[in-house]
Amino acid sequence: MNTVLRFTVPGAPVPCARARVFKDSRTGRTRSANPARTTAYKRAVRTHVAIAANLARWRPDGDAEYGVDLVVYRAKRVGDWDNYAKGVLDGMRGIAWVDDRQVVAARVVMKVDRGNPRVVVAVEKLNSKGGLECS
């Protein structure tokens, strides 16, 4: 039986917003920056997954594939499921897995809970790439 890493990110979920691209007037170079709200939410996800991973003695495996279940409880029906998932998965990089390219299965459920917005996450290691054989 595979170990499952479970944790909750309390508070209003934040959908991942597009990075803003702008030209630096001083250097003339094009730069991009993530919106502060998106960056702060990814940092919050990182904190909660790090605590859960530490308690579960979970270590990322660069050769594994992972499945993820997300239940997003929002205060109101706004935002696309994929934008919420992207922010959460990005925040888990390096803690739950090495890179989110290792996530090969995901299920996202969107619900409304005005009194207790949050994201509930479950991650399962599905296999190790090196151990798979195709028939």
Protein backbone atom coordinates (compact mmCIF):
# COMPACT_ATOMS: atom_id res chain seq x y z
CA MET A 1 0.00 0.00 0.00
CA ASN A 2 1.35 3.39 -0.97
CA THR A 3 1.77 6.15 1.55
CA VAL A 4 -0.48 9.15 1.08
CA LEU A 5 0.60 12.66 2.01
CA ARG A 6 -2.39 14.70 3.23
CA PHE A 7 -2.62 18.31 4.28
CA THR A 8 -4.93 21.33 4.26
CA VAL A 9 -4.14 24.89 3.25
CA PRO A 10 -6.51 27.05 5.31
CA GLY A 11 -7.94 30.32 4.05
CA ALA A 12 -9.24 31.52 0.73
CA PRO A 13 -7.69 29.60 -2.19
CA VAL A 14 -5.92 31.83 -4.71
CA PRO A 15 -5.97 30.95 -8.40
CA CYS A 16 -2.59 31.15 -10.09
CA ALA A 17 -2.46 34.40 -12.06
CA ARG A 18 -0.36 35.02 -15.14
CA ALA A 19 3.04 36.60 -14.67
CA ARG A 20 3.19 40.24 -15.74
CA VAL A 21 5.77 41.05 -18.41
CA PHE A 22 7.27 44.51 -18.56
CA LYS A 23 10.26 46.34 -19.93
CA ASP A 24 12.75 47.57 -17.35
CA SER A 25 13.15 51.29 -18.14
CA ARG A 26 16.59 51.37 -16.56
CA THR A 27 18.17 48.43 -18.39
CA GLY A 28 15.85 48.08 -21.38
CA ARG A 29 15.46 44.35 -20.69
CA THR A 30 12.16 42.52 -20.61
CA ARG A 31 11.31 41.04 -17.23
CA SER A 32 8.44 39.12 -15.73
CA ALA A 33 7.06 39.04 -12.22
CA ASN A 34 4.34 36.97 -10.60
CA PRO A 35 1.57 38.90 -8.85
CA ALA A 36 2.29 39.25 -5.12
CA ARG A 37 -0.95 37.48 -4.16
CA THR A 38 -0.03 34.40 -6.24
CA THR A 39 3.50 34.31 -4.81
CA ALA A 40 2.21 34.62 -1.24
CA TYR A 41 -0.28 31.78 -1.75
CA LYS A 42 2.38 29.46 -3.20
CA ARG A 43 4.50 30.26 -0.14
CA ALA A 44 1.58 29.32 2.15
CA VAL A 45 1.10 26.02 0.28
CA ARG A 46 4.84 25.39 0.65
CA THR A 47 4.67 25.92 4.41
CA HIS A 48 1.75 23.51 4.89
CA VAL A 49 3.13 20.76 2.63
CA ALA A 50 6.54 21.03 4.33
CA ILE A 51 4.98 20.52 7.76
CA ALA A 52 2.92 17.54 6.55
CA ALA A 53 5.89 16.00 4.70
CA ASN A 54 8.08 16.34 7.78
CA LEU A 55 5.49 14.68 10.02
CA ALA A 56 4.93 11.87 7.50
CA ARG A 57 8.67 11.49 6.80
CA TRP A 58 7.82 12.00 3.14
CA ARG A 59 10.72 12.45 0.74
CA PRO A 60 10.37 13.38 -2.95
CA ASP A 61 11.50 10.69 -5.39
CA GLY A 62 12.78 11.94 -8.73
CA ASP A 63 12.02 8.57 -10.37
CA ALA A 64 8.40 8.33 -9.19
CA GLU A 65 5.08 9.34 -10.67
CA TYR A 66 2.42 10.90 -8.48
CA GLY A 67 -1.34 11.25 -8.32
CA VAL A 68 -2.98 14.24 -6.64
CA ASP A 69 -6.50 14.87 -5.32
CA LEU A 70 -7.47 18.48 -4.59
CA VAL A 71 -10.72 19.65 -3.05
CA VAL A 72 -10.96 23.42 -3.40
CA TYR A 73 -13.47 25.04 -1.04
CA ARG A 74 -14.11 28.62 -2.20
CA ALA A 75 -16.24 31.34 -0.64
CA LYS A 76 -18.02 31.85 -3.98
CA ARG A 77 -18.17 30.28 -7.43
CA VAL A 78 -15.34 32.11 -9.17
CA GLY A 79 -12.15 30.94 -10.85
CA ASP A 80 -11.22 27.99 -13.03
CA TRP A 81 -10.18 24.71 -11.43
CA ASP A 82 -6.94 24.53 -13.40
CA ASN A 83 -5.73 27.89 -12.08
CA TYR A 84 -6.31 26.79 -8.49
CA ALA A 85 -4.54 23.47 -9.14
CA LYS A 86 -1.55 25.16 -10.79
CA GLY A 87 -0.88 27.37 -7.77
CA VAL A 88 -1.07 24.45 -5.36
CA LEU A 89 1.09 22.11 -7.47
CA ASP A 90 3.72 24.82 -8.01
CA GLY A 91 3.89 25.41 -4.26
CA MET A 92 4.55 21.71 -3.64
CA ARG A 93 7.58 21.50 -5.98
CA GLY A 94 10.67 20.16 -4.28
CA ILE A 95 8.75 18.90 -1.23
CA ALA A 96 6.07 16.47 -2.42
CA TRP A 97 7.92 15.70 -5.67
CA VAL A 98 11.01 16.96 -7.42
CA ASP A 99 9.06 18.63 -10.25
CA ASP A 100 5.33 18.82 -10.99
CA ARG A 101 5.97 17.09 -14.34
CA GLN A 102 5.97 13.93 -12.22
CA VAL A 103 2.23 14.37 -11.55
CA VAL A 104 0.55 12.03 -14.05
CA ALA A 105 -2.94 11.91 -12.54
CA ALA A 106 -4.99 14.63 -10.87
CA ARG A 107 -8.54 15.11 -9.70
CA VAL A 108 -9.81 18.55 -8.74
CA VAL A 109 -13.18 19.03 -7.07
CA MET A 110 -14.56 22.55 -6.63
CA LYS A 111 -16.96 23.27 -3.77
CA VAL A 112 -18.38 26.34 -2.05
CA ASP A 113 -17.90 26.79 1.70
CA ARG A 114 -18.35 30.44 2.62
CA GLY A 115 -17.54 29.86 6.26
CA ASN A 116 -14.36 27.81 5.84
CA PRO A 117 -12.55 28.30 2.51
CA ARG A 118 -9.52 26.01 2.11
CA VAL A 119 -7.79 23.47 -0.11
CA VAL A 120 -7.54 19.83 0.97
CA VAL A 121 -4.72 17.92 -0.73
CA ALA A 122 -3.83 14.22 -0.95
CA VAL A 123 -0.72 13.04 -2.83
CA GLU A 124 0.04 9.41 -3.60
CA LYS A 125 3.21 7.97 -5.05
CA LEU A 126 1.93 5.78 -7.87
CA ASN A 127 5.14 4.01 -8.89
CA SER A 128 8.79 4.42 -9.65
CA LYS A 129 9.54 5.06 -13.34
CA GLY A 130 12.60 2.85 -13.18
CA GLY A 131 10.48 -0.07 -11.94
CA LEU A 132 7.87 -0.03 -14.71
CA GLU A 133 7.85 -2.54 -17.52
CA CYS A 134 5.66 -2.32 -20.58
CA SER A 135 4.16 -5.53 -21.88
